[in-house]
């Protein structure tokens, strides 16, 4: 909280403001939320707290969803050999709130956090964590910054110096390129990259939008934290849902657990009813197989170092179904002027068949529909000029 006040994101209410009668005043409760991985404490304002039958969030418009899709960002992250990550420092706090609206963001806090003193009124001057409109407003401001200052920088610098021009400073840099890391001050690198000897130390594991990325081997890694859960339908559902795999790279691993969960539903076990030994045995065997994922990795980049420049690209989608499940897999095939070819799995999807199982031909048509949707998604998100598309 001291940092928020020192940086001017919030200010103390003056005596004159305190005495002014204004109907547009709202006080927000707040609390600290600690990130489980980054161990960073963030102040979050409870804009959903109601008084007199309403809350601040009920009066705010959410605004359009301007955020790039997670899958789209991950797909573009895989396109080139050199990859880099960075965070926008205090993104919401870089966008000011008009003076006429700041009285709606009042809060109470002790001077310098000293609980023995009287509470003092403050007000936020910027977008806050907890307001339903903050995400849309901050994203719009960052995109407007890119438009306003785009002509001042080369295209390659649009996402670095340009954003800093509008107050969106990037920090916590990480990369698989030691040459690139050498150009970044150690204090501006991500935590695991700050004290490295870039001539000999092993580049650490980093998180890229929730996926583990080994910068040294340039591979996506999968390490699942298997916590002890009750042998119930709720316990199995909790474990399966905790596996984060937006690109479907672990679809063959997760599908057996989904089928087992469907079987439990078919047998009409309640959410917290203890499962029979026969199902627990299958569950335990599946769990033991998850440990093998520690040594499994998927190349981040869709190219190889020796491949060179591609002259054409194609999408190949494969769809199939059985009585139990259906799925699709989408590959990008690159061709060079030397007639070399390289293919990479981009995305996959696997789903269990409905409890009221339709015919296999109908499931095959369903799989084909999913493949068409994936083709549309990939064409939209990939920054690759595609010449052909094949569905099988």
Protein backbone atom coordinates (compact mmCIF):
# COMPACT_ATOMS: atom_id res chain seq x y z
CA UNK A 1 0.00 0.00 0.00
CA UNK A 2 2.90 2.37 0.71
CA UNK A 3 4.16 1.71 -2.81
CA UNK A 4 0.74 2.60 -4.28
CA UNK A 5 0.76 5.91 -2.41
CA UNK A 6 4.43 6.72 -3.11
CA UNK A 7 3.99 6.19 -6.86
CA UNK A 8 0.95 8.44 -6.98
CA UNK A 9 -1.56 5.74 -7.84
CA UNK A 10 -3.60 6.87 -4.82
CA UNK A 11 -3.71 9.99 -2.66
CA UNK A 12 -5.00 11.11 0.70
CA UNK A 13 -8.30 12.97 0.75
CA UNK A 14 -7.82 16.65 1.65
CA UNK A 15 -9.89 18.37 4.33
CA UNK A 16 -11.69 20.38 1.66
CA UNK A 17 -12.63 17.24 -0.26
CA UNK A 18 -13.76 15.56 2.94
CA UNK A 19 -16.10 18.42 3.78
CA UNK A 20 -17.51 18.74 0.25
CA UNK A 21 -20.97 17.24 -0.11
CA UNK A 22 -20.91 14.94 -3.09
CA UNK A 23 -23.50 12.25 -3.80
CA UNK A 24 -21.08 10.37 -6.07
CA UNK A 25 -18.90 8.89 -3.31
CA UNK A 26 -18.23 5.21 -2.78
CA UNK A 27 -15.97 3.45 -0.28
CA UNK A 28 -14.30 0.18 -1.22
CA UNK A 29 -13.14 -2.59 1.12
CA UNK A 30 -9.80 -4.11 0.12
CA UNK A 31 -7.59 -7.07 0.94
CA UNK A 32 -4.28 -8.60 -0.08
CA UNK A 33 -4.04 -11.55 -2.47
CA UNK A 34 -0.74 -13.43 -2.69
CA UNK A 35 0.16 -15.15 -5.96
CA UNK A 36 0.92 -18.83 -5.15
CA UNK A 37 3.83 -19.02 -7.62
CA UNK A 38 5.23 -15.48 -7.81
CA UNK A 39 4.65 -14.95 -4.05
CA UNK A 40 3.71 -11.36 -4.80
CA UNK A 41 1.14 -9.57 -2.64
CA UNK A 42 -1.40 -7.58 -4.65
CA UNK A 43 -4.00 -5.15 -3.30
CA UNK A 44 -7.45 -6.07 -4.58
CA UNK A 45 -10.47 -3.84 -4.07
CA UNK A 46 -13.79 -5.57 -3.50
CA UNK A 47 -15.93 -3.75 -6.07
CA UNK A 48 -18.60 -6.41 -5.64
CA UNK A 49 -19.23 -5.42 -2.01
CA UNK A 50 -22.81 -4.12 -1.80
CA UNK A 51 -24.41 -1.37 0.25
CA UNK A 52 -28.01 -0.30 -0.02
CA UNK A 53 -28.68 -3.09 -2.49
CA UNK A 54 -26.01 -2.12 -5.01
CA UNK A 55 -22.28 -2.34 -5.63
CA UNK A 56 -19.77 -0.48 -7.77
CA UNK A 57 -19.46 -3.38 -10.23
CA UNK A 58 -23.24 -3.39 -10.73
CA UNK A 59 -23.01 0.20 -11.96
CA UNK A 60 -19.99 -0.35 -14.24
CA UNK A 61 -20.09 -1.59 -17.83
CA UNK A 62 -17.68 -4.44 -18.48
CA UNK A 63 -16.76 -3.15 -21.90
CA UNK A 64 -15.70 -5.20 -24.95
CA UNK A 65 -13.26 -8.10 -24.65
CA UNK A 66 -10.13 -6.65 -26.26
CA UNK A 67 -7.67 -9.16 -24.82
CA UNK A 68 -5.85 -11.44 -27.27
CA UNK A 69 -6.94 -15.06 -26.94
CA UNK A 70 -4.67 -17.30 -24.88
CA UNK A 71 -4.47 -19.90 -27.66
CA UNK A 72 -3.63 -17.23 -30.24
CA UNK A 73 -0.76 -15.86 -28.16
CA UNK A 74 0.63 -19.36 -27.55
CA UNK A 75 0.44 -20.20 -31.26
CA UNK A 76 2.32 -17.03 -32.24
CA UNK A 77 4.81 -17.72 -29.44
CA UNK A 78 5.77 -20.90 -31.32
CA UNK A 79 6.42 -19.31 -34.72
CA UNK A 80 10.06 -18.16 -34.57
CA UNK A 81 13.33 -19.58 -33.24
CA UNK A 82 14.02 -16.77 -30.74
CA UNK A 83 11.33 -16.34 -28.10
CA UNK A 84 11.04 -13.78 -25.32
CA UNK A 85 8.63 -13.06 -22.50
CA UNK A 86 7.98 -9.92 -20.47
CA UNK A 87 5.38 -8.50 -18.10
CA UNK A 88 3.82 -5.06 -18.32
CA UNK A 89 4.60 -3.49 -14.97
CA UNK A 90 1.41 -2.59 -13.03
CA UNK A 91 -0.62 -2.42 -16.24
CA UNK A 92 -3.90 -1.30 -14.65
CA UNK A 93 -2.15 1.43 -12.64
CA UNK A 94 -0.81 3.10 -15.80
CA UNK A 95 -4.33 4.17 -16.83
CA UNK A 96 -5.73 7.15 -14.97
CA UNK A 97 -9.33 7.64 -13.90
CA UNK A 98 -10.87 11.04 -14.60
CA UNK A 99 -10.89 13.39 -11.58
CA UNK A 100 -14.69 13.43 -11.52
CA UNK A 101 -14.76 9.65 -10.94
CA UNK A 102 -12.04 9.22 -8.30
CA UNK A 103 -14.46 9.81 -5.40
CA UNK A 104 -16.08 6.51 -6.38
CA UNK A 105 -12.78 4.80 -5.52
CA UNK A 106 -12.33 5.93 -1.93
CA UNK A 107 -10.87 3.63 0.71
CA UNK A 108 -9.56 3.74 4.28
CA UNK A 109 -6.00 3.03 5.35
CA UNK A 110 -3.74 3.70 8.32
CA UNK A 111 -0.84 6.18 7.92
CA UNK A 112 2.18 4.05 6.87
CA UNK A 113 0.25 0.94 7.87
CA UNK A 114 0.41 1.85 11.57
CA UNK A 115 -2.69 0.24 13.06
CA UNK A 116 -2.40 2.31 16.25
CA UNK A 117 -3.29 5.51 14.37
CA UNK A 118 -6.65 6.72 13.13
CA UNK A 119 -7.86 5.56 9.72
CA UNK A 120 -7.39 8.09 6.94
CA UNK A 121 -9.51 8.51 3.81
CA UNK A 122 -7.79 7.95 0.46
CA UNK A 123 -8.86 7.59 -3.15
CA UNK A 124 -7.46 5.70 -6.08
CA UNK A 125 -6.54 7.73 -9.18
CA UNK A 126 -6.05 4.80 -11.56
CA UNK A 127 -7.80 1.64 -12.72
CA UNK A 128 -7.99 -0.93 -9.93
CA UNK A 129 -7.86 -4.69 -9.55
CA UNK A 130 -11.41 -5.81 -8.82
CA UNK A 131 -13.38 -3.42 -11.04
CA UNK A 132 -15.26 -5.18 -13.82
CA UNK A 133 -14.27 -2.52 -16.36
CA UNK A 134 -10.53 -2.33 -15.62
CA UNK A 135 -9.41 -5.09 -18.00
CA UNK A 136 -11.19 -3.60 -21.01
CA UNK A 137 -10.13 -0.02 -20.23
CA UNK A 138 -6.45 -0.90 -19.68
CA UNK A 139 -6.27 -3.04 -22.82
CA UNK A 140 -7.89 -0.29 -24.88
CA UNK A 141 -5.39 2.25 -23.50
CA UNK A 142 -2.44 0.01 -24.42
CA UNK A 143 -3.75 -0.57 -27.93
CA UNK A 144 -4.37 3.17 -28.33
CA UNK A 145 -0.77 3.75 -27.24
CA UNK A 146 0.40 1.46 -30.06
CA UNK A 147 -1.65 3.44 -32.58
CA UNK A 148 -0.56 6.86 -31.30
CA UNK A 149 3.18 6.14 -31.29
CA UNK A 150 3.40 3.42 -33.96
CA UNK A 151 5.00 5.67 -36.58
CA UNK A 152 7.88 6.62 -34.27
CA UNK A 153 9.34 3.09 -34.16
CA UNK A 154 10.26 0.30 -36.52
CA UNK A 155 7.82 -2.60 -36.65
CA UNK A 156 10.21 -4.83 -34.68
CA UNK A 157 10.15 -2.41 -31.75
CA UNK A 158 6.40 -1.92 -31.57
CA UNK A 159 5.98 -4.10 -28.48
CA UNK A 160 9.00 -2.79 -26.52
CA UNK A 161 9.99 0.88 -26.68
CA UNK A 162 6.63 1.94 -28.07
CA UNK A 163 4.61 0.77 -25.06
CA UNK A 164 7.06 2.43 -22.67
CA UNK A 165 6.29 5.69 -24.46
CA UNK A 166 2.73 5.46 -23.16
CA UNK A 167 3.74 4.43 -19.64
CA UNK A 168 3.42 0.66 -20.14
CA UNK A 169 6.93 -0.38 -19.11
CA UNK A 170 7.93 -3.97 -19.72
CA UNK A 171 10.00 -5.86 -17.18
CA UNK A 172 10.79 -9.44 -16.03
CA UNK A 173 12.32 -10.38 -19.39
CA UNK A 174 13.20 -13.97 -20.24
CA UNK A 175 14.34 -15.61 -23.46
CA UNK A 176 15.90 -18.72 -24.96
CA UNK A 177 18.54 -16.50 -26.61
CA UNK A 178 21.62 -15.79 -24.48
CA UNK A 179 22.62 -13.04 -26.93
CA UNK A 180 19.32 -11.28 -26.35
CA UNK A 181 19.53 -11.72 -22.57
CA UNK A 182 22.97 -10.11 -22.59
CA UNK A 183 21.41 -6.89 -23.90
CA UNK A 184 18.98 -6.68 -20.96
CA UNK A 185 20.14 -5.43 -17.53
CA UNK A 186 20.04 -8.18 -14.92
CA UNK A 187 17.62 -6.15 -12.79
CA UNK A 188 15.09 -6.15 -15.66
CA UNK A 189 15.19 -9.91 -16.21
CA UNK A 190 12.79 -12.45 -14.75
CA UNK A 191 13.66 -13.77 -11.30
CA UNK A 192 15.34 -17.00 -12.45
CA UNK A 193 17.43 -15.17 -15.09
CA UNK A 194 18.91 -12.40 -12.94
CA UNK A 195 21.95 -14.11 -11.39
CA UNK A 196 22.90 -16.32 -14.33
CA UNK A 197 26.32 -16.58 -15.90
CA UNK A 198 25.04 -16.55 -19.46
CA UNK A 199 28.26 -18.10 -20.76
CA UNK A 200 27.82 -21.36 -18.89
CA UNK A 201 24.75 -21.53 -16.62
CA UNK A 202 21.72 -23.57 -17.59
CA UNK A 203 18.73 -21.43 -18.56
CA UNK A 204 15.87 -22.07 -16.11
CA UNK A 205 12.29 -23.18 -16.42
CA UNK A 206 9.84 -20.33 -17.01
CA UNK A 207 6.05 -20.10 -17.15
CA UNK A 208 4.60 -18.94 -20.46
CA UNK A 209 0.91 -18.12 -19.96
CA UNK A 210 0.51 -21.00 -17.55
CA UNK A 211 2.60 -23.51 -19.54
CA UNK A 212 6.05 -24.52 -18.32
CA UNK A 213 8.75 -23.58 -20.83
CA UNK A 214 12.34 -24.79 -20.52
CA UNK A 215 14.38 -21.96 -22.02
CA UNK A 216 17.53 -24.11 -22.23
CA UNK A 217 16.03 -26.91 -24.35
CA UNK A 218 13.32 -24.64 -25.82
CA UNK A 219 10.62 -27.17 -25.05
CA UNK A 220 7.24 -27.06 -23.36
CA UNK A 221 7.41 -29.26 -20.27
CA UNK A 222 4.64 -30.86 -18.24
CA UNK A 223 4.95 -31.47 -14.53
CA UNK A 224 1.65 -32.21 -12.86
CA UNK A 225 1.39 -31.64 -9.13
CA UNK A 226 -0.51 -34.73 -7.99
CA UNK A 227 -2.22 -33.86 -4.72
CA UNK A 228 -3.97 -36.38 -2.53
CA UNK A 229 -7.67 -36.27 -3.29
CA UNK A 230 -10.59 -38.33 -1.98
CA UNK A 231 -11.60 -41.36 -4.04
CA UNK A 232 -14.86 -39.78 -5.14
CA UNK A 233 -16.34 -38.38 -8.31
CA UNK A 234 -15.58 -34.87 -7.05
CA UNK A 235 -11.95 -35.84 -6.32
CA UNK A 236 -11.35 -37.22 -9.82
CA UNK A 237 -13.04 -34.22 -11.45
CA UNK A 238 -10.86 -31.87 -9.38
CA UNK A 239 -7.67 -33.62 -10.48
CA UNK A 240 -8.58 -33.73 -14.19
CA UNK A 241 -9.63 -30.08 -14.17
CA UNK A 242 -6.32 -29.03 -12.60
CA UNK A 243 -4.32 -30.15 -15.66
CA UNK A 244 -3.78 -27.03 -17.77
CA UNK A 245 -3.37 -27.94 -21.44
CA UNK A 246 -4.85 -25.24 -23.71
CA UNK A 247 -3.22 -26.59 -26.90
CA UNK A 248 -4.36 -30.17 -26.27
CA UNK A 249 -0.81 -31.56 -26.34
CA UNK A 250 -1.71 -33.96 -23.50
CA UNK A 251 -5.06 -35.00 -24.98
CA UNK A 252 -4.15 -38.73 -25.22
CA UNK A 253 -3.12 -38.68 -21.55
CA UNK A 254 -6.20 -36.89 -20.22
CA UNK A 255 -8.80 -38.73 -22.31
CA UNK A 256 -8.72 -42.02 -20.28
CA UNK A 257 -9.46 -40.06 -17.10
CA UNK A 258 -12.38 -38.32 -18.82
CA UNK A 259 -13.74 -41.68 -19.93
CA UNK A 260 -13.43 -43.00 -16.38
CA UNK A 261 -15.26 -39.94 -15.07
CA UNK A 262 -18.00 -40.47 -17.61
CA UNK A 263 -18.33 -44.10 -16.51
CA UNK A 264 -18.73 -42.94 -12.90
CA UNK A 265 -21.53 -40.59 -14.00
CA UNK A 266 -23.14 -43.41 -15.98
CA UNK A 267 -23.15 -45.58 -12.82
CA UNK A 268 -24.87 -42.68 -11.02
CA UNK A 269 -22.41 -42.27 -8.15
CA UNK A 270 -22.99 -39.05 -6.21
CA UNK A 271 -20.25 -36.41 -6.07
CA UNK A 272 -18.94 -37.42 -2.65
CA UNK A 273 -19.75 -41.13 -2.62
CA UNK A 274 -16.78 -43.45 -2.13
CA UNK A 275 -15.97 -45.27 -5.38
CA UNK A 276 -15.62 -49.07 -5.64
CA UNK A 277 -12.20 -50.74 -5.62
CA UNK A 278 -12.43 -51.63 -9.32
CA UNK A 279 -12.64 -47.94 -10.32
CA UNK A 280 -10.04 -46.85 -7.74
CA UNK A 281 -7.61 -49.40 -9.22
CA UNK A 282 -8.01 -47.89 -12.72
CA UNK A 283 -7.68 -44.39 -11.29
CA UNK A 284 -4.49 -45.28 -9.38
CA UNK A 285 -2.93 -46.85 -12.46
CA UNK A 286 -3.67 -43.69 -14.49
CA UNK A 287 -2.15 -41.53 -11.75
CA UNK A 288 1.07 -43.54 -11.74
CA UNK A 289 1.38 -42.96 -15.48
CA UNK A 290 1.28 -39.19 -15.02
CA UNK A 291 4.73 -39.30 -13.41
CA UNK A 292 6.21 -40.22 -16.80
CA UNK A 293 5.31 -36.74 -18.06
CA UNK A 294 8.30 -35.34 -16.12
CA UNK A 295 10.58 -36.45 -18.94
CA UNK A 296 8.22 -35.47 -21.74
CA UNK A 297 8.62 -32.28 -23.76
CA UNK A 298 7.23 -30.68 -26.93
CA UNK A 299 9.31 -28.39 -29.14
CA UNK A 300 8.17 -24.82 -28.64
CA UNK A 301 9.13 -23.64 -32.12
CA UNK A 302 7.34 -24.95 -35.19
CA UNK A 303 10.65 -24.84 -37.09
CA UNK A 304 14.01 -26.53 -36.63
CA UNK A 305 17.33 -24.71 -36.48
CA UNK A 306 18.53 -26.34 -39.71
CA UNK A 307 15.26 -25.90 -41.59
CA UNK A 308 15.88 -22.41 -42.98
CA UNK A 309 13.22 -20.08 -44.38
CA UNK A 310 9.90 -21.54 -45.47
CA UNK A 311 8.35 -20.57 -48.79
CA UNK A 312 4.91 -22.11 -48.25
CA UNK A 313 2.80 -23.47 -45.42
CA UNK A 314 -0.18 -25.81 -45.22
CA UNK A 315 -2.61 -26.90 -42.52
CA UNK A 316 -3.43 -30.60 -42.25
CA UNK A 317 -6.34 -31.61 -39.98
CA UNK A 318 -7.05 -35.21 -39.00
CA UNK A 319 -10.40 -36.12 -37.45
CA UNK A 320 -11.70 -39.49 -36.30
CA UNK A 321 -14.11 -41.09 -33.86
CA UNK A 322 -14.94 -44.36 -32.12
CA UNK A 323 -17.82 -45.50 -29.94
CA UNK A 324 -16.10 -44.03 -26.86
CA UNK A 325 -14.57 -40.75 -28.03
CA UNK A 326 -13.73 -38.46 -30.93
CA UNK A 327 -10.92 -36.04 -31.62
CA UNK A 328 -8.87 -33.97 -34.03
CA UNK A 329 -5.22 -33.09 -34.53
CA UNK A 330 -3.95 -30.13 -36.57
CA UNK A 331 -0.48 -29.98 -38.10
CA UNK A 332 1.42 -27.18 -39.82
CA UNK A 333 3.51 -28.35 -42.77
CA UNK A 334 6.30 -26.05 -43.97
CA UNK A 335 8.15 -26.28 -47.30
CA UNK A 336 11.43 -24.67 -48.32
CA UNK A 337 12.82 -23.75 -51.72
CA UNK A 338 15.08 -26.82 -51.46
CA UNK A 339 12.02 -29.09 -51.29
CA UNK A 340 12.58 -29.79 -47.58
CA UNK A 341 9.45 -30.44 -45.54
CA UNK A 342 8.82 -30.12 -41.82
CA UNK A 343 5.58 -30.81 -39.92
CA UNK A 344 4.60 -29.81 -36.39
CA UNK A 345 1.59 -30.59 -34.23
CA UNK A 346 -0.12 -27.28 -33.46
CA UNK A 347 -3.23 -28.27 -31.56
CA UNK A 348 -5.33 -31.28 -30.67
CA UNK A 349 -8.72 -31.91 -29.13
CA UNK A 350 -10.13 -35.14 -27.65
CA UNK A 351 -13.62 -35.52 -26.22
CA UNK A 352 -15.61 -38.42 -24.85
CA UNK A 353 -18.77 -39.48 -26.64
CA UNK A 354 -22.10 -38.43 -25.07
CA UNK A 355 -23.69 -40.77 -22.52
CA UNK A 356 -26.48 -41.40 -25.02
CA UNK A 357 -24.00 -42.65 -27.60
CA UNK A 358 -24.87 -41.68 -31.18
CA UNK A 359 -23.75 -43.72 -34.16
CA UNK A 360 -20.08 -43.73 -35.12
CA UNK A 361 -20.76 -41.94 -38.45
CA UNK A 362 -22.47 -39.12 -36.52
CA UNK A 363 -19.50 -38.90 -34.14
CA UNK A 364 -17.18 -38.77 -37.15
CA UNK A 365 -19.17 -35.84 -38.49
CA UNK A 366 -18.88 -34.19 -35.07
CA UNK A 367 -15.11 -34.65 -35.16
CA UNK A 368 -15.01 -33.16 -38.65
CA UNK A 369 -16.97 -30.15 -37.38
CA UNK A 370 -14.39 -29.62 -34.62
CA UNK A 371 -11.61 -29.83 -37.23
CA UNK A 372 -13.27 -27.12 -39.33
CA UNK A 373 -13.55 -24.88 -36.27
CA UNK A 374 -9.87 -25.44 -35.48
CA UNK A 375 -8.96 -24.57 -39.07
CA UNK A 376 -10.86 -21.29 -38.76
CA UNK A 377 -9.15 -20.53 -35.43
CA UNK A 378 -5.64 -21.31 -36.69
CA UNK A 379 -6.10 -19.25 -39.85
CA UNK A 380 -7.17 -16.31 -37.70
CA UNK A 381 -4.41 -16.52 -35.08
CA UNK A 382 -1.33 -17.71 -36.96
CA UNK A 383 0.87 -15.06 -38.57
CA UNK A 384 1.78 -17.47 -41.36
CA UNK A 385 0.66 -17.20 -44.97
CA UNK A 386 -1.17 -20.44 -45.69
CA UNK A 387 -1.55 -21.76 -49.23
CA UNK A 388 -3.64 -24.87 -48.64
CA UNK A 389 -5.77 -26.67 -46.08
CA UNK A 390 -6.43 -30.41 -45.96
CA UNK A 391 -8.98 -32.27 -43.83
CA UNK A 392 -8.84 -36.02 -43.44
